[in-house]
């Protein structure tokens, strides 16, 4: 699953990369029994990997609404947060039902391409002590 945060093309690559890293660290701090920010598969111990390093040049991502090269032709489908729940499968959205969903829901990815968040305001609200603690524990 890819999580897109609208930045409105207002920030440098370095700023967006660091923001993604901090978000990953904070998410992992909230859900340590379920998530991992460890790069090596063995070190993750079966936990969901939060890949903030995917936010880099030459990295590949699956574009919204694109077909996946898998049986049944699943579609990379933007979701409402209420739809992200246990049991969700990549095969729930396919070439057979994608157009109907887009017709009923509209383009729910469109806001990602809009104005974007105020990164400075968001960063001010972060728990800096928690971030520093997490960063130091990784060294």
N, C-alpha and C. Protein backbone atom coordinates (compact mmCIF):
# COMPACT_ATOMS: atom_id res chain seq x y z
N UNK A 1 0.85 -1.17 0.00
CA UNK A 1 0.00 0.00 0.00
C UNK A 1 0.90 1.24 0.00
N UNK A 2 0.57 2.17 -0.85
CA UNK A 2 1.28 3.44 -0.89
C UNK A 2 0.41 4.49 -0.21
N UNK A 3 1.03 5.30 0.63
CA UNK A 3 0.32 6.41 1.27
C UNK A 3 0.90 7.69 0.68
N UNK A 4 0.04 8.46 0.03
CA UNK A 4 0.45 9.71 -0.59
C UNK A 4 0.02 10.87 0.30
N UNK A 5 0.94 11.80 0.51
CA UNK A 5 0.64 13.01 1.27
C UNK A 5 0.85 14.18 0.31
N UNK A 6 -0.17 14.98 0.07
CA UNK A 6 -0.03 16.08 -0.89
C UNK A 6 0.93 17.15 -0.37
N UNK A 7 1.95 17.44 -1.16
CA UNK A 7 2.93 18.46 -0.78
C UNK A 7 2.86 19.70 -1.66
N UNK A 8 2.06 19.64 -2.73
CA UNK A 8 1.84 20.81 -3.57
C UNK A 8 3.09 21.31 -4.28
N UNK A 9 4.08 20.47 -4.48
CA UNK A 9 5.32 20.84 -5.17
C UNK A 9 5.97 22.07 -4.54
N UNK A 10 5.84 22.19 -3.19
CA UNK A 10 6.38 23.36 -2.49
C UNK A 10 7.68 23.08 -1.76
N UNK A 11 8.11 21.82 -1.72
CA UNK A 11 9.25 21.46 -0.88
C UNK A 11 10.32 20.75 -1.68
N UNK A 12 11.54 20.82 -1.18
CA UNK A 12 12.64 20.15 -1.86
C UNK A 12 12.53 18.64 -1.65
N UNK A 13 13.27 17.93 -2.47
CA UNK A 13 13.33 16.48 -2.32
C UNK A 13 13.81 16.12 -0.91
N UNK A 14 14.85 16.80 -0.42
CA UNK A 14 15.39 16.50 0.90
C UNK A 14 14.35 16.72 1.99
N UNK A 15 13.58 17.80 1.89
CA UNK A 15 12.54 18.07 2.88
C UNK A 15 11.46 16.99 2.86
N UNK A 16 11.04 16.59 1.67
CA UNK A 16 10.00 15.55 1.60
C UNK A 16 10.52 14.21 2.06
N UNK A 17 11.77 13.89 1.76
CA UNK A 17 12.36 12.63 2.22
C UNK A 17 12.44 12.59 3.75
N UNK A 18 12.89 13.68 4.34
CA UNK A 18 13.01 13.72 5.81
C UNK A 18 11.62 13.66 6.46
N UNK A 19 10.66 14.31 5.86
CA UNK A 19 9.29 14.25 6.37
C UNK A 19 8.77 12.81 6.34
N UNK A 20 9.00 12.12 5.23
CA UNK A 20 8.57 10.72 5.12
C UNK A 20 9.25 9.86 6.18
N UNK A 21 10.51 10.12 6.44
CA UNK A 21 11.24 9.35 7.47
C UNK A 21 10.65 9.58 8.86
N UNK A 22 10.33 10.81 9.17
CA UNK A 22 9.76 11.13 10.48
C UNK A 22 8.37 10.52 10.63
N UNK A 23 7.57 10.60 9.58
CA UNK A 23 6.24 9.99 9.62
C UNK A 23 6.35 8.49 9.86
N UNK A 24 7.29 7.85 9.18
CA UNK A 24 7.49 6.40 9.36
C UNK A 24 7.91 6.08 10.80
N UNK A 25 8.81 6.87 11.33
CA UNK A 25 9.28 6.65 12.71
C UNK A 25 8.13 6.82 13.70
N UNK A 26 7.32 7.84 13.51
CA UNK A 26 6.19 8.08 14.42
C UNK A 26 5.13 6.98 14.29
N UNK A 27 4.86 6.54 13.06
CA UNK A 27 3.89 5.46 12.86
C UNK A 27 4.39 4.18 13.53
N UNK A 28 5.67 3.90 13.37
CA UNK A 28 6.24 2.71 14.00
C UNK A 28 6.20 2.82 15.52
N UNK A 29 6.45 4.01 16.05
CA UNK A 29 6.40 4.21 17.50
C UNK A 29 4.99 3.95 18.05
N UNK A 30 3.97 4.27 17.25
CA UNK A 30 2.58 4.05 17.67
C UNK A 30 2.17 2.58 17.52
N UNK A 31 2.75 1.87 16.55
CA UNK A 31 2.36 0.49 16.25
C UNK A 31 3.58 -0.45 16.21
N UNK A 32 4.40 -0.49 17.25
CA UNK A 32 5.63 -1.28 17.19
C UNK A 32 5.40 -2.79 17.09
N UNK A 33 4.28 -3.27 17.55
CA UNK A 33 4.00 -4.70 17.46
C UNK A 33 3.55 -5.15 16.08
N UNK A 34 3.21 -4.20 15.24
CA UNK A 34 2.67 -4.49 13.91
C UNK A 34 3.59 -4.02 12.79
N UNK A 35 4.40 -2.99 13.04
CA UNK A 35 5.20 -2.39 11.98
C UNK A 35 6.69 -2.53 12.23
N UNK A 36 7.45 -2.29 11.16
CA UNK A 36 8.91 -2.30 11.25
C UNK A 36 9.45 -1.26 10.28
N UNK A 37 10.56 -0.64 10.65
CA UNK A 37 11.27 0.24 9.73
C UNK A 37 12.64 -0.35 9.41
N UNK A 38 12.81 -1.63 9.70
CA UNK A 38 14.05 -2.34 9.40
C UNK A 38 14.09 -2.69 7.92
N UNK A 39 15.22 -2.43 7.26
CA UNK A 39 15.34 -2.72 5.83
C UNK A 39 15.42 -4.22 5.53
N UNK A 40 16.13 -4.96 6.35
CA UNK A 40 16.31 -6.39 6.06
C UNK A 40 15.07 -7.18 6.47
N UNK A 41 14.65 -8.06 5.59
CA UNK A 41 13.43 -8.84 5.80
C UNK A 41 13.52 -9.65 7.09
N UNK A 42 14.64 -10.28 7.32
CA UNK A 42 14.82 -11.12 8.51
C UNK A 42 14.62 -10.32 9.81
N UNK A 43 15.10 -9.09 9.84
CA UNK A 43 15.00 -8.25 11.03
C UNK A 43 13.58 -7.77 11.31
N UNK A 44 12.70 -7.86 10.32
CA UNK A 44 11.31 -7.38 10.48
C UNK A 44 10.45 -8.33 11.30
N UNK A 45 10.82 -9.56 11.36
CA UNK A 45 10.10 -10.58 12.13
C UNK A 45 8.62 -10.67 11.75
N UNK A 46 8.35 -10.62 10.45
CA UNK A 46 6.98 -10.77 9.95
C UNK A 46 6.11 -9.54 10.07
N UNK A 47 6.67 -8.43 10.47
CA UNK A 47 5.89 -7.19 10.63
C UNK A 47 5.78 -6.45 9.30
N UNK A 48 4.79 -5.57 9.21
CA UNK A 48 4.59 -4.75 8.03
C UNK A 48 5.71 -3.71 7.95
N UNK A 49 6.37 -3.67 6.82
CA UNK A 49 7.49 -2.75 6.62
C UNK A 49 7.00 -1.39 6.15
N UNK A 50 7.40 -0.34 6.84
CA UNK A 50 7.10 1.03 6.43
C UNK A 50 8.33 1.53 5.66
N UNK A 51 8.21 1.59 4.34
CA UNK A 51 9.34 1.90 3.48
C UNK A 51 9.39 3.38 3.13
N UNK A 52 9.93 4.17 4.03
CA UNK A 52 10.06 5.60 3.76
C UNK A 52 11.20 5.87 2.77
N UNK A 53 12.06 4.90 2.54
CA UNK A 53 13.15 5.07 1.59
C UNK A 53 12.69 4.92 0.14
N UNK A 54 11.46 4.52 -0.05
CA UNK A 54 10.90 4.43 -1.40
C UNK A 54 10.76 5.84 -2.00
N UNK A 55 10.79 6.84 -1.16
CA UNK A 55 10.67 8.23 -1.57
C UNK A 55 12.06 8.74 -1.99
N UNK A 56 12.55 8.25 -3.14
CA UNK A 56 13.88 8.62 -3.61
C UNK A 56 13.92 8.58 -5.13
N UNK A 57 14.92 9.24 -5.71
CA UNK A 57 15.06 9.17 -7.18
C UNK A 57 15.29 7.72 -7.63
N UNK A 58 14.83 7.40 -8.78
CA UNK A 58 14.94 6.09 -9.41
C UNK A 58 14.11 4.99 -8.75
N UNK A 59 13.38 5.29 -7.69
CA UNK A 59 12.51 4.29 -7.07
C UNK A 59 11.26 4.14 -7.93
N UNK A 60 10.73 2.95 -7.96
CA UNK A 60 9.52 2.73 -8.74
C UNK A 60 8.31 2.65 -7.81
N UNK A 61 7.24 3.22 -8.25
CA UNK A 61 5.97 3.12 -7.53
C UNK A 61 4.90 2.77 -8.55
N UNK A 62 3.86 2.18 -8.07
CA UNK A 62 2.74 1.85 -8.94
C UNK A 62 1.81 3.06 -8.97
N UNK A 63 1.62 3.61 -10.14
CA UNK A 63 0.77 4.80 -10.27
C UNK A 63 -0.68 4.48 -9.95
N UNK A 64 -1.40 5.44 -9.38
CA UNK A 64 -2.82 5.24 -9.13
C UNK A 64 -3.57 4.88 -10.40
N UNK A 65 -4.49 3.97 -10.29
CA UNK A 65 -5.36 3.51 -11.36
C UNK A 65 -4.63 2.67 -12.42
N UNK A 66 -3.41 2.27 -12.16
CA UNK A 66 -2.70 1.47 -13.16
C UNK A 66 -2.93 -0.02 -12.94
N UNK A 67 -2.85 -0.75 -14.04
CA UNK A 67 -2.99 -2.21 -13.97
C UNK A 67 -1.73 -2.80 -13.37
N UNK A 68 -1.89 -3.84 -12.54
CA UNK A 68 -0.77 -4.56 -11.96
C UNK A 68 -0.53 -5.83 -12.78
N UNK A 69 0.71 -6.21 -12.97
CA UNK A 69 1.00 -7.42 -13.75
C UNK A 69 0.78 -8.69 -12.93
N UNK A 70 -0.47 -8.95 -12.59
CA UNK A 70 -0.84 -10.10 -11.78
C UNK A 70 -2.08 -10.76 -12.38
N UNK A 71 -2.31 -12.02 -12.03
CA UNK A 71 -3.53 -12.70 -12.51
C UNK A 71 -4.78 -11.92 -12.11
N UNK A 72 -5.73 -11.82 -13.01
CA UNK A 72 -6.97 -11.11 -12.75
C UNK A 72 -6.90 -9.63 -13.04
N UNK A 73 -5.75 -9.12 -13.43
CA UNK A 73 -5.53 -7.71 -13.76
C UNK A 73 -6.00 -6.77 -12.65
N UNK A 74 -5.41 -6.88 -11.43
CA UNK A 74 -5.77 -5.93 -10.38
C UNK A 74 -5.34 -4.52 -10.74
N UNK A 75 -6.05 -3.55 -10.18
CA UNK A 75 -5.80 -2.14 -10.46
C UNK A 75 -5.33 -1.47 -9.17
N UNK A 76 -4.31 -0.66 -9.27
CA UNK A 76 -3.82 0.12 -8.13
C UNK A 76 -4.87 1.20 -7.85
N UNK A 77 -5.69 0.95 -6.84
CA UNK A 77 -6.88 1.78 -6.63
C UNK A 77 -6.75 2.68 -5.39
N UNK A 78 -6.88 3.99 -5.57
CA UNK A 78 -6.94 4.87 -4.40
C UNK A 78 -8.15 4.50 -3.53
N UNK A 79 -7.97 4.59 -2.23
CA UNK A 79 -9.02 4.22 -1.28
C UNK A 79 -9.31 5.34 -0.30
N UNK A 80 -10.50 5.33 0.23
CA UNK A 80 -10.83 6.16 1.39
C UNK A 80 -10.24 5.45 2.61
N UNK A 81 -9.82 6.19 3.63
CA UNK A 81 -9.25 5.55 4.82
C UNK A 81 -10.22 4.54 5.43
N UNK A 82 -11.52 4.79 5.34
CA UNK A 82 -12.49 3.86 5.92
C UNK A 82 -12.49 2.51 5.21
N UNK A 83 -11.93 2.46 4.02
CA UNK A 83 -11.87 1.21 3.27
C UNK A 83 -10.64 0.37 3.61
N UNK A 84 -9.68 0.96 4.27
CA UNK A 84 -8.46 0.25 4.63
C UNK A 84 -8.73 -0.53 5.91
N UNK A 85 -8.92 -1.82 5.76
CA UNK A 85 -9.25 -2.65 6.92
C UNK A 85 -8.83 -4.09 6.67
N UNK A 86 -8.89 -4.86 7.71
CA UNK A 86 -8.52 -6.27 7.64
C UNK A 86 -9.33 -6.96 6.54
N UNK A 87 -8.64 -7.80 5.78
CA UNK A 87 -9.30 -8.54 4.72
C UNK A 87 -9.21 -7.89 3.35
N UNK A 88 -8.74 -6.65 3.29
CA UNK A 88 -8.59 -5.95 2.01
C UNK A 88 -7.53 -6.69 1.19
N UNK A 89 -7.84 -6.94 -0.08
CA UNK A 89 -6.91 -7.65 -0.95
C UNK A 89 -6.65 -6.85 -2.22
N UNK A 90 -5.46 -7.03 -2.77
CA UNK A 90 -5.11 -6.36 -4.02
C UNK A 90 -6.10 -6.74 -5.13
N UNK A 91 -6.66 -7.93 -5.06
CA UNK A 91 -7.57 -8.41 -6.10
C UNK A 91 -9.01 -7.90 -5.94
N UNK A 92 -9.26 -7.08 -4.92
CA UNK A 92 -10.60 -6.51 -4.74
C UNK A 92 -10.95 -5.52 -5.85
N UNK A 93 -9.94 -4.94 -6.48
CA UNK A 93 -10.15 -3.94 -7.52
C UNK A 93 -9.43 -4.43 -8.78
N UNK A 94 -10.19 -4.69 -9.81
CA UNK A 94 -9.63 -5.25 -11.04
C UNK A 94 -10.08 -4.44 -12.25
N UNK A 95 -9.57 -4.85 -13.38
CA UNK A 95 -9.96 -4.22 -14.64
C UNK A 95 -11.47 -4.35 -14.86
N UNK A 96 -12.08 -5.36 -14.24
CA UNK A 96 -13.52 -5.59 -14.43
C UNK A 96 -14.41 -4.64 -13.61
N UNK A 97 -13.90 -4.13 -12.47
CA UNK A 97 -14.75 -3.27 -11.64
C UNK A 97 -14.18 -1.86 -11.42
N UNK A 98 -13.00 -1.58 -11.95
CA UNK A 98 -12.35 -0.29 -11.71
C UNK A 98 -13.15 0.90 -12.26
N UNK A 99 -13.65 0.79 -13.48
CA UNK A 99 -14.36 1.92 -14.08
C UNK A 99 -15.65 2.23 -13.32
N UNK A 100 -16.34 1.20 -12.88
CA UNK A 100 -17.57 1.41 -12.12
C UNK A 100 -17.28 2.12 -10.80
N UNK A 101 -16.18 1.72 -10.14
CA UNK A 101 -15.81 2.35 -8.88
C UNK A 101 -15.45 3.82 -9.10
N UNK A 102 -14.66 4.10 -10.11
CA UNK A 102 -14.27 5.49 -10.39
C UNK A 102 -15.50 6.32 -10.72
N UNK A 103 -16.44 5.73 -11.44
CA UNK A 103 -17.69 6.43 -11.75
C UNK A 103 -18.48 6.75 -10.48
N UNK A 104 -18.53 5.82 -9.54
CA UNK A 104 -19.31 6.04 -8.32
C UNK A 104 -18.59 6.90 -7.29
N UNK A 105 -17.26 6.78 -7.19
CA UNK A 105 -16.50 7.50 -6.16
C UNK A 105 -15.84 8.77 -6.67
N UNK A 106 -15.70 8.89 -7.98
CA UNK A 106 -14.95 10.00 -8.53
C UNK A 106 -13.46 9.74 -8.39
N UNK A 107 -12.67 10.73 -8.73
CA UNK A 107 -11.22 10.60 -8.64
C UNK A 107 -10.79 10.99 -7.23
N UNK A 108 -10.71 10.01 -6.34
CA UNK A 108 -10.34 10.34 -4.95
C UNK A 108 -8.85 10.58 -4.79
N UNK A 109 -8.08 10.39 -5.85
CA UNK A 109 -6.65 10.71 -5.80
C UNK A 109 -6.40 12.19 -6.12
N UNK A 110 -7.33 12.84 -6.76
CA UNK A 110 -7.15 14.22 -7.24
C UNK A 110 -6.64 15.19 -6.16
N UNK A 111 -7.12 15.14 -4.91
CA UNK A 111 -6.62 16.08 -3.91
C UNK A 111 -5.12 15.99 -3.65
N UNK A 112 -4.54 14.83 -3.91
CA UNK A 112 -3.09 14.67 -3.71
C UNK A 112 -2.32 15.60 -4.65
N UNK A 113 -2.91 15.94 -5.76
CA UNK A 113 -2.25 16.80 -6.74
C UNK A 113 -2.54 18.27 -6.52
N UNK A 114 -3.26 18.58 -5.47
CA UNK A 114 -3.67 19.96 -5.21
C UNK A 114 -2.68 20.77 -4.40
N UNK A 115 -3.21 21.69 -3.62
CA UNK A 115 -2.44 22.69 -2.87
C UNK A 115 -1.37 22.07 -1.98
N UNK A 116 -1.68 21.02 -1.30
CA UNK A 116 -0.71 20.38 -0.42
C UNK A 116 -0.76 20.89 1.00
N UNK A 117 -0.10 20.16 1.86
CA UNK A 117 -0.09 20.50 3.29
C UNK A 117 0.92 21.61 3.57
N UNK A 118 0.80 22.20 4.74
CA UNK A 118 1.77 23.18 5.23
C UNK A 118 2.76 22.39 6.08
N UNK A 119 3.86 22.00 5.48
CA UNK A 119 4.83 21.13 6.13
C UNK A 119 5.39 21.75 7.40
N UNK A 120 5.65 23.03 7.39
CA UNK A 120 6.19 23.70 8.58
C UNK A 120 5.22 23.59 9.75
N UNK A 121 3.95 23.80 9.49
CA UNK A 121 2.93 23.70 10.54
C UNK A 121 2.83 22.26 11.07
N UNK A 122 2.88 21.29 10.19
CA UNK A 122 2.80 19.89 10.60
C UNK A 122 4.00 19.52 11.46
N UNK A 123 5.19 19.90 11.04
CA UNK A 123 6.42 19.55 11.77
C UNK A 123 6.41 20.16 13.17
N UNK A 124 5.85 21.33 13.31
CA UNK A 124 5.76 21.97 14.63
C UNK A 124 4.94 21.13 15.61
N UNK A 125 4.02 20.31 15.08
CA UNK A 125 3.14 19.51 15.93
C UNK A 125 3.73 18.15 16.29
N UNK A 126 4.85 17.79 15.67
CA UNK A 126 5.49 16.50 15.97
C UNK A 126 6.01 16.48 17.40
N UNK A 127 6.05 15.31 17.98
CA UNK A 127 6.63 15.09 19.30
C UNK A 127 8.14 14.94 19.11
N UNK A 128 8.85 16.05 19.24
CA UNK A 128 10.30 16.04 18.97
C UNK A 128 11.06 15.10 19.90
N UNK A 129 10.65 14.98 21.14
CA UNK A 129 11.33 14.08 22.07
C UNK A 129 11.22 12.64 21.57
N UNK A 130 10.04 12.25 21.09
CA UNK A 130 9.84 10.89 20.58
C UNK A 130 10.68 10.66 19.33
N UNK A 131 10.75 11.64 18.46
CA UNK A 131 11.55 11.51 17.23
C UNK A 131 13.03 11.35 17.59
N UNK A 132 13.54 12.22 18.48
CA UNK A 132 14.95 12.14 18.88
C UNK A 132 15.25 10.80 19.51
N UNK A 133 14.36 10.31 20.35
CA UNK A 133 14.55 9.01 21.00
C UNK A 133 14.63 7.90 19.97
N UNK A 134 13.73 7.91 18.98
CA UNK A 134 13.72 6.89 17.94
C UNK A 134 14.97 6.96 17.07
N UNK A 135 15.39 8.17 16.72
CA UNK A 135 16.57 8.32 15.88
C UNK A 135 17.83 7.84 16.61
N UNK A 136 17.95 8.17 17.87
CA UNK A 136 19.12 7.75 18.64
C UNK A 136 19.15 6.25 18.84
N UNK A 137 17.99 5.62 19.00
CA UNK A 137 17.96 4.17 19.21
C UNK A 137 18.35 3.41 17.96
N UNK A 138 18.29 4.02 16.79
CA UNK A 138 18.65 3.37 15.53
C UNK A 138 20.13 3.47 15.21
N UNK A 139 20.87 4.29 15.96
CA UNK A 139 22.31 4.48 15.66
C UNK A 139 23.14 3.43 16.36
